[in-house]
Every structure is written in structure tokens, then in C-alpha cells.
Amino acid sequence: MLSTINSGLKRSINKAGIVRQVDAARACEAWQEVISGMFTKEVAERSHALRCKNGVMTVAVLSSVFAQEFKFKEDEIINAINKKMGADVVNKLRYEM
């Protein structure tokens, strides 16, 4: 039954033409889970994915120190998010303070 609902939802999303928007929202949700697995709880709590548009995910960080920490592992973070998504949704990370 769950697979029927899932496939119906996917068809509806495709028909409505909002696949990219849904994928972008899911990628933003994946940010917190991916970051929590790579960094300490303190670091993960000090960042939040704001939006993902045209492959660029914008992340709010509290300081340049946290942005630098993420920059060091940027490729690993992007790969983990895309793996979780099952598609190449994120190509680049951008940081805002």
C-alpha cells in the first residue's frame, strides 16, 4: 500500500511540474542529517540549509569559522547529500552569515 501511495505521489509531482522544487526542499532537509553525521552536534546546530536553486545550496552559518569547516569537506558533503537524494541535486555550496 505504501508503495502505491509513493508511486502515486511521484506521478502527481511529475505531472504538476514541480520535481525540481521538491528535490530542492528534500536536499535542504538532508543537509542537517548529513552534517550531523560528519561534525559534532555543536557544529551541526549552527548551520541551516536555506534554499537550493540551480544546483547551488545556500547555507546559513553563524560565523566564518563554521563556513571554513564546511568548506574543507565540501566535496564530501555534496556527495553525501546527492547520495541521499539518489540524484545530483547539489553541485555547489554557498555560505551566508
PDB file of N, CA and C in Angstrom:
ATOM      1  N   MET A   1       0.816  -1.192   0.000  1.00  0.00           N
ATOM      2  CA  MET A   1       0.000   0.000   0.000  1.00  0.00           C
ATOM      3  C   MET A   1       0.860   1.256   0.000  1.00  0.00           C
ATOM      4  N   LEU A   2       1.935   1.243   0.817  1.00  0.00           N
ATOM      5  CA  LEU A   2       2.813   2.407   0.873  1.00  0.00           C
ATOM      6  C   LEU A   2       3.479   2.656  -0.473  1.00  0.00           C
ATOM      7  N   SER A   3       3.874   1.600  -1.160  1.00  0.00           N
ATOM      8  CA  SER A   3       4.499   1.784  -2.477  1.00  0.00           C
ATOM      9  C   SER A   3       3.506   2.359  -3.476  1.00  0.00           C
ATOM     10  N   THR A   4       2.231   2.024  -3.347  1.00  0.00           N
ATOM     11  CA  THR A   4       1.201   2.580  -4.221  1.00  0.00           C
ATOM     12  C   THR A   4       1.055   4.082  -3.979  1.00  0.00           C
ATOM     13  N   ILE A   5       1.044   4.478  -2.719  1.00  0.00           N
ATOM     14  CA  ILE A   5       0.950   5.899  -2.380  1.00  0.00           C
ATOM     15  C   ILE A   5       2.187   6.628  -2.883  1.00  0.00           C
ATOM     16  N   ASN A   6       3.359   6.030  -2.676  1.00  0.00           N
ATOM     17  CA  ASN A   6       4.612   6.632  -3.104  1.00  0.00           C
ATOM     18  C   ASN A   6       4.639   6.832  -4.616  1.00  0.00           C
ATOM     19  N   SER A   7       4.253   5.814  -5.369  1.00  0.00           N
ATOM     20  CA  SER A   7       4.277   5.943  -6.831  1.00  0.00           C
ATOM     21  C   SER A   7       3.239   6.951  -7.302  1.00  0.00           C
ATOM     22  N   GLY A   8       2.080   6.992  -6.639  1.00  0.00           N
ATOM     23  CA  GLY A   8       1.055   7.980  -6.993  1.00  0.00           C
ATOM     24  C   GLY A   8       1.527   9.389  -6.720  1.00  0.00           C
ATOM     25  N   LEU A   9       2.232   9.561  -5.609  1.00  0.00           N
ATOM     26  CA  LEU A   9       2.778  10.877  -5.264  1.00  0.00           C
ATOM     27  C   LEU A   9       3.814  11.310  -6.290  1.00  0.00           C
ATOM     28  N   LYS A  10       4.696  10.393  -6.678  1.00  0.00           N
ATOM     29  CA  LYS A  10       5.716  10.723  -7.688  1.00  0.00           C
ATOM     30  C   LYS A  10       5.066  11.120  -9.003  1.00  0.00           C
ATOM     31  N   ARG A  11       4.035  10.401  -9.412  1.00  0.00           N
ATOM     32  CA  ARG A  11       3.338  10.750 -10.664  1.00  0.00           C
ATOM     33  C   ARG A  11       2.712  12.134 -10.566  1.00  0.00           C
ATOM     34  N   SER A  12       2.097  12.432  -9.428  1.00  0.00           N
ATOM     35  CA  SER A  12       1.459  13.739  -9.243  1.00  0.00           C
ATOM     36  C   SER A  12       2.483  14.868  -9.281  1.00  0.00           C
ATOM     37  N   ILE A  13       3.632  14.650  -8.643  1.00  0.00           N
ATOM     38  CA  ILE A  13       4.692  15.654  -8.638  1.00  0.00           C
ATOM     39  C   ILE A  13       5.214  15.882 -10.052  1.00  0.00           C
ATOM     40  N   ASN A  14       5.424  14.799 -10.791  1.00  0.00           N
ATOM     41  CA  ASN A  14       5.883  14.927 -12.179  1.00  0.00           C
ATOM     42  C   ASN A  14       4.855  15.653 -13.031  1.00  0.00           C
ATOM     43  N   LYS A  15       3.595  15.300 -12.864  1.00  0.00           N
ATOM     44  CA  LYS A  15       2.521  15.913 -13.648  1.00  0.00           C
ATOM     45  C   LYS A  15       2.401  17.404 -13.347  1.00  0.00           C
ATOM     46  N   ALA A  16       2.590  17.775 -12.097  1.00  0.00           N
ATOM     47  CA  ALA A  16       2.482  19.179 -11.703  1.00  0.00           C
ATOM     48  C   ALA A  16       3.701  19.994 -12.134  1.00  0.00           C
ATOM     49  N   GLY A  17       4.786  19.308 -12.507  1.00  0.00           N
ATOM     50  CA  GLY A  17       5.988  20.008 -12.965  1.00  0.00           C
ATOM     51  C   GLY A  17       6.792  20.642 -11.843  1.00  0.00           C
ATOM     52  N   ILE A  18       6.726  20.059 -10.656  1.00  0.00           N
ATOM     53  CA  ILE A  18       7.431  20.643  -9.518  1.00  0.00           C
ATOM     54  C   ILE A  18       8.523  19.719  -8.978  1.00  0.00           C
ATOM     55  N   VAL A  19       9.045  18.873  -9.821  1.00  0.00           N
ATOM     56  CA  VAL A  19      10.066  17.913  -9.402  1.00  0.00           C
ATOM     57  C   VAL A  19      11.293  18.631  -8.850  1.00  0.00           C
ATOM     58  N   ARG A  20      11.765  19.644  -9.551  1.00  0.00           N
ATOM     59  CA  ARG A  20      12.970  20.366  -9.095  1.00  0.00           C
ATOM     60  C   ARG A  20      12.757  21.037  -7.741  1.00  0.00           C
ATOM     61  N   GLN A  21      11.583  21.631  -7.548  1.00  0.00           N
ATOM     62  CA  GLN A  21      11.306  22.299  -6.283  1.00  0.00           C
ATOM     63  C   GLN A  21      11.235  21.294  -5.132  1.00  0.00           C
ATOM     64  N   VAL A  22      10.628  20.153  -5.368  1.00  0.00           N
ATOM     65  CA  VAL A  22      10.526  19.123  -4.340  1.00  0.00           C
ATOM     66  C   VAL A  22      11.907  18.563  -4.024  1.00  0.00           C
ATOM     67  N   ASP A  23      12.707  18.309  -5.057  1.00  0.00           N
ATOM     68  CA  ASP A  23      14.076  17.817  -4.841  1.00  0.00           C
ATOM     69  C   ASP A  23      14.910  18.834  -4.060  1.00  0.00           C
ATOM     70  N   ALA A  24      14.736  20.112  -4.364  1.00  0.00           N
ATOM     71  CA  ALA A  24      15.482  21.161  -3.657  1.00  0.00           C
ATOM     72  C   ALA A  24      15.096  21.192  -2.182  1.00  0.00           C
ATOM     73  N   ALA A  25      13.819  21.071  -1.891  1.00  0.00           N
ATOM     74  CA  ALA A  25      13.368  21.065  -0.495  1.00  0.00           C
ATOM     75  C   ALA A  25      13.887  19.827   0.233  1.00  0.00           C
ATOM     76  N   ARG A  26      13.876  18.678  -0.432  1.00  0.00           N
ATOM     77  CA  ARG A  26      14.388  17.453   0.182  1.00  0.00           C
ATOM     78  C   ARG A  26      15.891  17.546   0.430  1.00  0.00           C
ATOM     79  N   ALA A  27      16.618  18.179  -0.479  1.00  0.00           N
ATOM     80  CA  ALA A  27      18.068  18.346  -0.312  1.00  0.00           C
ATOM     81  C   ALA A  27      18.353  19.226   0.904  1.00  0.00           C
ATOM     82  N   CYS A  28      17.563  20.269   1.093  1.00  0.00           N
ATOM     83  CA  CYS A  28      17.732  21.131   2.272  1.00  0.00           C
ATOM     84  C   CYS A  28      17.469  20.350   3.553  1.00  0.00           C
ATOM     85  N   GLU A  29      16.492  19.483   3.531  1.00  0.00           N
ATOM     86  CA  GLU A  29      16.222  18.637   4.697  1.00  0.00           C
ATOM     87  C   GLU A  29      17.379  17.670   4.937  1.00  0.00           C
ATOM     88  N   ALA A  30      17.990  17.178   3.879  1.00  0.00           N
ATOM     89  CA  ALA A  30      19.097  16.222   4.003  1.00  0.00           C
ATOM     90  C   ALA A  30      20.339  16.878   4.604  1.00  0.00           C
ATOM     91  N   TRP A  31      20.482  18.190   4.433  1.00  0.00           N
ATOM     92  CA  TRP A  31      21.646  18.911   4.949  1.00  0.00           C
ATOM     93  C   TRP A  31      21.887  18.586   6.421  1.00  0.00           C
ATOM     94  N   GLN A  32      20.872  18.772   7.247  1.00  0.00           N
ATOM     95  CA  GLN A  32      21.045  18.616   8.690  1.00  0.00           C
ATOM     96  C   GLN A  32      21.463  17.197   9.054  1.00  0.00           C
ATOM     97  N   GLU A  33      20.869  16.225   8.409  1.00  0.00           N
ATOM     98  CA  GLU A  33      21.219  14.834   8.690  1.00  0.00           C
ATOM     99  C   GLU A  33      22.658  14.520   8.274  1.00  0.00           C
ATOM    100  N   VAL A  34      23.055  14.996   7.119  1.00  0.00           N
ATOM    101  CA  VAL A  34      24.412  14.754   6.619  1.00  0.00           C
ATOM    102  C   VAL A  34      25.433  15.443   7.515  1.00  0.00           C
ATOM    103  N   ILE A  35      25.186  16.696   7.850  1.00  0.00           N
ATOM    104  CA  ILE A  35      26.121  17.454   8.679  1.00  0.00           C
ATOM    105  C   ILE A  35      26.217  16.856  10.083  1.00  0.00           C
ATOM    106  N   SER A  36      25.105  16.407  10.622  1.00  0.00           N
ATOM    107  CA  SER A  36      25.109  15.792  11.951  1.00  0.00           C
ATOM    108  C   SER A  36      25.967  14.538  11.988  1.00  0.00           C
ATOM    109  N   GLY A  37      26.044  13.841  10.874  1.00  0.00           N
ATOM    110  CA  GLY A  37      26.862  12.641  10.804  1.00  0.00           C
ATOM    111  C   GLY A  37      28.342  12.909  10.604  1.00  0.00           C
ATOM    112  N   MET A  38      28.685  14.088  10.115  1.00  0.00           N
ATOM    113  CA  MET A  38      30.078  14.418   9.806  1.00  0.00           C
ATOM    114  C   MET A  38      30.759  15.276  10.871  1.00  0.00           C
ATOM    115  N   PHE A  39      29.967  16.073  11.571  1.00  0.00           N
ATOM    116  CA  PHE A  39      30.519  17.021  12.531  1.00  0.00           C
ATOM    117  C   PHE A  39      29.878  16.798  13.900  1.00  0.00           C
ATOM    118  N   THR A  40      30.369  17.537  14.880  1.00  0.00           N
ATOM    119  CA  THR A  40      29.786  17.450  16.215  1.00  0.00           C
ATOM    120  C   THR A  40      28.395  18.079  16.213  1.00  0.00           C
ATOM    121  N   LYS A  41      27.641  17.788  17.250  1.00  0.00           N
ATOM    122  CA  LYS A  41      26.294  18.340  17.394  1.00  0.00           C
ATOM    123  C   LYS A  41      26.345  19.865  17.426  1.00  0.00           C
ATOM    124  N   GLU A  42      27.356  20.403  18.098  1.00  0.00           N
ATOM    125  CA  GLU A  42      27.517  21.856  18.215  1.00  0.00           C
ATOM    126  C   GLU A  42      27.657  22.507  16.842  1.00  0.00           C
ATOM    127  N   VAL A  43      28.471  21.930  15.996  1.00  0.00           N
ATOM    128  CA  VAL A  43      28.678  22.471  14.648  1.00  0.00           C
ATOM    129  C   VAL A  43      27.402  22.322  13.822  1.00  0.00           C
ATOM    130  N   ALA A  44      26.783  21.160  13.884  1.00  0.00           N
ATOM    131  CA  ALA A  44      25.569  20.910  13.096  1.00  0.00           C
ATOM    132  C   ALA A  44      24.438  21.860  13.473  1.00  0.00           C
ATOM    133  N   GLU A  45      24.326  22.189  14.748  1.00  0.00           N
ATOM    134  CA  GLU A  45      23.256  23.086  15.199  1.00  0.00           C
ATOM    135  C   GLU A  45      23.483  24.540  14.795  1.00  0.00           C
ATOM    136  N   ARG A  46      24.658  24.864  14.347  1.00  0.00           N
ATOM    137  CA  ARG A  46      24.975  26.241  13.983  1.00  0.00           C
ATOM    138  C   ARG A  46      24.949  26.484  12.475  1.00  0.00           C
ATOM    139  N   SER A  47      24.240  25.615  11.790  1.00  0.00           N
ATOM    140  CA  SER A  47      24.069  25.790  10.353  1.00  0.00           C
ATOM    141  C   SER A  47      22.664  25.346   9.960  1.00  0.00           C
ATOM    142  N   HIS A  48      22.196  25.907   8.847  1.00  0.00           N
ATOM    143  CA  HIS A  48      20.860  25.569   8.373  1.00  0.00           C
ATOM    144  C   HIS A  48      20.809  25.816   6.863  1.00  0.00           C
ATOM    145  N   ALA A  49      20.363  24.827   6.121  1.00  0.00           N
ATOM    146  CA  ALA A  49      20.206  24.999   4.675  1.00  0.00           C
ATOM    147  C   ALA A  49      19.002  25.891   4.419  1.00  0.00           C
ATOM    148  N   LEU A  50      19.216  26.971   3.693  1.00  0.00           N
ATOM    149  CA  LEU A  50      18.150  27.929   3.417  1.00  0.00           C
ATOM    150  C   LEU A  50      17.380  27.608   2.152  1.00  0.00           C
ATOM    151  N   ARG A  51      18.132  27.290   1.095  1.00  0.00           N
ATOM    152  CA  ARG A  51      17.497  27.033  -0.204  1.00  0.00           C
ATOM    153  C   ARG A  51      18.481  26.301  -1.101  1.00  0.00           C
ATOM    154  N   CYS A  52      17.941  25.716  -2.139  1.00  0.00           N
ATOM    155  CA  CYS A  52      18.754  25.058  -3.152  1.00  0.00           C
ATOM    156  C   CYS A  52      18.140  25.411  -4.499  1.00  0.00           C
ATOM    157  N   LYS A  53      18.909  26.106  -5.309  1.00  0.00           N
ATOM    158  CA  LYS A  53      18.400  26.551  -6.607  1.00  0.00           C
ATOM    159  C   LYS A  53      19.485  26.379  -7.659  1.00  0.00           C
ATOM    160  N   ASN A  54      19.142  25.753  -8.755  1.00  0.00           N
ATOM    161  CA  ASN A  54      20.066  25.521  -9.859  1.00  0.00           C
ATOM    162  C   ASN A  54      21.352  24.826  -9.402  1.00  0.00           C
ATOM    163  N   GLY A  55      21.213  23.897  -8.473  1.00  0.00           N
ATOM    164  CA  GLY A  55      22.356  23.123  -8.008  1.00  0.00           C
ATOM    165  C   GLY A  55      23.206  23.790  -6.940  1.00  0.00           C
ATOM    166  N   VAL A  56      22.842  25.015  -6.542  1.00  0.00           N
ATOM    167  CA  VAL A  56      23.601  25.739  -5.522  1.00  0.00           C
ATOM    168  C   VAL A  56      22.781  25.756  -4.231  1.00  0.00           C
ATOM    169  N   MET A  57      23.339  25.133  -3.189  1.00  0.00           N
ATOM    170  CA  MET A  57      22.670  25.141  -1.888  1.00  0.00           C
ATOM    171  C   MET A  57      23.248  26.279  -1.058  1.00  0.00           C
ATOM    172  N   THR A  58      22.360  27.134  -0.564  1.00  0.00           N
ATOM    173  CA  THR A  58      22.765  28.240   0.292  1.00  0.00           C
ATOM    174  C   THR A  58      22.533  27.824   1.736  1.00  0.00           C
ATOM    175  N   VAL A  59      23.599  27.968   2.529  1.00  0.00           N
ATOM    176  CA  VAL A  59      23.579  27.530   3.919  1.00  0.00           C
ATOM    177  C   VAL A  59      23.863  28.715   4.831  1.00  0.00           C
ATOM    178  N   ALA A  60      23.023  28.891   5.846  1.00  0.00           N
ATOM    179  CA  ALA A  60      23.254  29.925   6.850  1.00  0.00           C
ATOM    180  C   ALA A  60      24.184  29.359   7.914  1.00  0.00           C
ATOM    181  N   VAL A  61      25.234  30.109   8.230  1.00  0.00           N
ATOM    182  CA  VAL A  61      26.177  29.721   9.286  1.00  0.00           C
ATOM    183  C   VAL A  61      26.348  30.907  10.230  1.00  0.00           C
ATOM    184  N   LEU A  62      26.704  30.608  11.484  1.00  0.00           N
ATOM    185  CA  LEU A  62      26.830  31.673  12.479  1.00  0.00           C
ATOM    186  C   LEU A  62      28.137  32.441  12.383  1.00  0.00           C
ATOM    187  N   SER A  63      29.163  31.807  11.831  1.00  0.00           N
ATOM    188  CA  SER A  63      30.444  32.508  11.729  1.00  0.00           C
ATOM    189  C   SER A  63      31.258  31.953  10.570  1.00  0.00           C
ATOM    190  N   SER A  64      32.293  32.692  10.230  1.00  0.00           N
ATOM    191  CA  SER A  64      33.175  32.260   9.148  1.00  0.00           C
ATOM    192  C   SER A  64      33.947  30.997   9.528  1.00  0.00           C
ATOM    193  N   VAL A  65      34.109  30.761  10.816  1.00  0.00           N
ATOM    194  CA  VAL A  65      34.802  29.551  11.277  1.00  0.00           C
ATOM    195  C   VAL A  65      34.028  28.318  10.835  1.00  0.00           C
ATOM    196  N   PHE A  66      32.706  28.340  11.019  1.00  0.00           N
ATOM    197  CA  PHE A  66      31.893  27.195  10.609  1.00  0.00           C
ATOM    198  C   PHE A  66      31.870  27.059   9.089  1.00  0.00           C
ATOM    199  N   ALA A  67      31.795  28.180   8.389  1.00  0.00           N
ATOM    200  CA  ALA A  67      31.830  28.128   6.922  1.00  0.00           C
ATOM    201  C   ALA A  67      33.136  27.490   6.448  1.00  0.00           C
ATOM    202  N   GLN A  68      34.231  27.833   7.093  1.00  0.00           N
ATOM    203  CA  GLN A  68      35.533  27.266   6.724  1.00  0.00           C
ATOM    204  C   GLN A  68      35.569  25.761   6.986  1.00  0.00           C
ATOM    205  N   GLU A  69      35.003  25.335   8.104  1.00  0.00           N
ATOM    206  CA  GLU A  69      34.944  23.899   8.419  1.00  0.00           C
ATOM    207  C   GLU A  69      34.194  23.145   7.325  1.00  0.00           C
ATOM    208  N   PHE A  70      33.070  23.696   6.892  1.00  0.00           N
ATOM    209  CA  PHE A  70      32.288  23.053   5.837  1.00  0.00           C
ATOM    210  C   PHE A  70      33.026  23.092   4.504  1.00  0.00           C
ATOM    211  N   LYS A  71      33.738  24.172   4.258  1.00  0.00           N
ATOM    212  CA  LYS A  71      34.484  24.320   3.004  1.00  0.00           C
ATOM    213  C   LYS A  71      35.549  23.232   2.865  1.00  0.00           C
ATOM    214  N   PHE A  72      36.188  22.871   3.986  1.00  0.00           N
ATOM    215  CA  PHE A  72      37.204  21.824   3.950  1.00  0.00           C
ATOM    216  C   PHE A  72      36.628  20.483   3.501  1.00  0.00           C
ATOM    217  N   LYS A  73      35.360  20.234   3.823  1.00  0.00           N
ATOM    218  CA  LYS A  73      34.728  18.952   3.494  1.00  0.00           C
ATOM    219  C   LYS A  73      33.618  19.107   2.460  1.00  0.00           C
ATOM    220  N   GLU A  74      33.673  20.174   1.694  1.00  0.00           N
ATOM    221  CA  GLU A  74      32.583  20.489   0.768  1.00  0.00           C
ATOM    222  C   GLU A  74      32.272  19.355  -0.207  1.00  0.00           C
ATOM    223  N   ASP A  75      33.287  18.785  -0.828  1.00  0.00           N
ATOM    224  CA  ASP A  75      33.043  17.696  -1.786  1.00  0.00           C
ATOM    225  C   ASP A  75      32.378  16.502  -1.109  1.00  0.00           C
ATOM    226  N   GLU A  76      32.843  16.184   0.085  1.00  0.00           N
ATOM    227  CA  GLU A  76      32.272  15.062   0.834  1.00  0.00           C
ATOM    228  C   GLU A  76      30.810  15.343   1.215  1.00  0.00           C
ATOM    229  N   ILE A  77      30.521  16.568   1.608  1.00  0.00           N
ATOM    230  CA  ILE A  77      29.151  16.957   1.971  1.00  0.00           C
ATOM    231  C   ILE A  77      28.240  16.865   0.751  1.00  0.00           C
ATOM    232  N   ILE A  78      28.679  17.428  -0.363  1.00  0.00           N
ATOM    233  CA  ILE A  78      27.872  17.403  -1.589  1.00  0.00           C
ATOM    234  C   ILE A  78      27.608  15.960  -2.019  1.00  0.00           C
ATOM    235  N   ASN A  79      28.639  15.137  -2.000  1.00  0.00           N
ATOM    236  CA  ASN A  79      28.462  13.729  -2.391  1.00  0.00           C
ATOM    237  C   ASN A  79      27.480  13.014  -1.482  1.00  0.00           C
ATOM    238  N   ALA A  80      27.550  13.276  -0.178  1.00  0.00           N
ATOM    239  CA  ALA A  80      26.645  12.630   0.779  1.00  0.00           C
ATOM    240  C   ALA A  80      25.196  13.071   0.562  1.00  0.00           C
ATOM    241  N   ILE A  81      24.985  14.353   0.309  1.00  0.00           N
ATOM    242  CA  ILE A  81      23.623  14.846   0.056  1.00  0.00           C
ATOM    243  C   ILE A  81      23.081  14.225  -1.224  1.00  0.00           C
ATOM    244  N   ASN A  82      23.881  14.232  -2.286  1.00  0.00           N
ATOM    245  CA  ASN A  82      23.424  13.662  -3.557  1.00  0.00           C
ATOM    246  C   ASN A  82      23.174  12.163  -3.455  1.00  0.00           C
ATOM    247  N   LYS A  83      23.995  11.474  -2.673  1.00  0.00           N
ATOM    248  CA  LYS A  83      23.779  10.040  -2.473  1.00  0.00           C
ATOM    249  C   LYS A  83      22.456   9.814  -1.759  1.00  0.00           C
ATOM    250  N   LYS A  84      22.182  10.622  -0.751  1.00  0.00           N
ATOM    251  CA  LYS A  84      20.927  10.514  -0.008  1.00  0.00           C
ATOM    252  C   LYS A  84      19.732  10.816  -0.912  1.00  0.00           C
ATOM    253  N   MET A  85      19.923  11.740  -1.835  1.00  0.00           N
ATOM    254  CA  MET A  85      18.851  12.124  -2.750  1.00  0.00           C
ATOM    255  C   MET A  85      18.663  11.120  -3.885  1.00  0.00           C
ATOM    256  N   GLY A  86      19.718  10.386  -4.210  1.00  0.00           N
ATOM    257  CA  GLY A  86      19.653   9.460  -5.342  1.00  0.00           C
ATOM    258  C   GLY A  86      19.790  10.158  -6.677  1.00  0.00           C
ATOM    259  N   ALA A  87      20.257  11.399  -6.643  1.00  0.00           N
ATOM    260  CA  ALA A  87      20.445  12.188  -7.870  1.00  0.00           C
ATOM    261  C   ALA A  87      21.390  13.337  -7.565  1.00  0.00           C
ATOM    262  N   ASP A  88      21.977  13.898  -8.606  1.00  0.00           N
ATOM    263  CA  ASP A  88      22.866  15.048  -8.444  1.00  0.00           C
ATOM    264  C   ASP A  88      22.032  16.323  -8.362  1.00  0.00           C
ATOM    265  N   VAL A  89      21.613  16.658  -7.163  1.00  0.00           N
ATOM    266  CA  VAL A  89      20.788  17.845  -6.932  1.00  0.00           C
ATOM    267  C   VAL A  89      21.659  19.031  -6.562  1.00  0.00           C
ATOM    268  N   VAL A  90      22.733  18.781  -5.782  1.00  0.00           N
ATOM    269  CA  VAL A  90      23.606  19.851  -5.302  1.00  0.00           C
ATOM    270  C   VAL A  90      24.962  19.750  -5.999  1.00  0.00           C
ATOM    271  N   ASN A  91      25.426  20.875  -6.556  1.00  0.00           N
ATOM    272  CA  ASN A  91      26.731  20.932  -7.219  1.00  0.00           C
ATOM    273  C   ASN A  91      27.707  21.840  -6.481  1.00  0.00           C
ATOM    274  N   LYS A  92      27.155  22.775  -5.702  1.00  0.00           N
ATOM    275  CA  LYS A  92      27.986  23.775  -5.036  1.00  0.00           C
ATOM    276  C   LYS A  92      27.304  24.227  -3.750  1.00  0.00           C
ATOM    277  N   LEU A  93      28.118  24.597  -2.765  1.00  0.00           N
ATOM    278  CA  LEU A  93      27.599  25.148  -1.517  1.00  0.00           C
ATOM    279  C   LEU A  93      27.991  26.615  -1.417  1.00  0.00           C
ATOM    280  N   ARG A  94      27.070  27.424  -0.935  1.00  0.00           N
ATOM    281  CA  ARG A  94      27.308  28.844  -0.727  1.00  0.00           C
ATOM    282  C   ARG A  94      26.929  29.157   0.705  1.00  0.00           C
ATOM    283  N   TYR A  95      27.724  29.971   1.363  1.00  0.00           N
ATOM    284  CA  TYR A  95      27.519  30.230   2.781  1.00  0.00           C
ATOM    285  C   TYR A  95      27.124  31.685   3.015  1.00  0.00           C
ATOM    286  N   GLU A  96      26.165  31.885   3.915  1.00  0.00           N
ATOM    287  CA  GLU A  96      25.721  33.218   4.327  1.00  0.00           C
ATOM    288  C   GLU A  96      25.842  33.326   5.830  1.00  0.00           C
ATOM    289  N   MET A  97      26.284  34.485   6.274  1.00  0.00           N
ATOM    290  CA  MET A  97      26.374  34.727   7.724  1.00  0.00           C
ATOM    291  C   MET A  97      25.396  35.782   8.139  1.00  0.00           C
TER     292      MET A  97
END
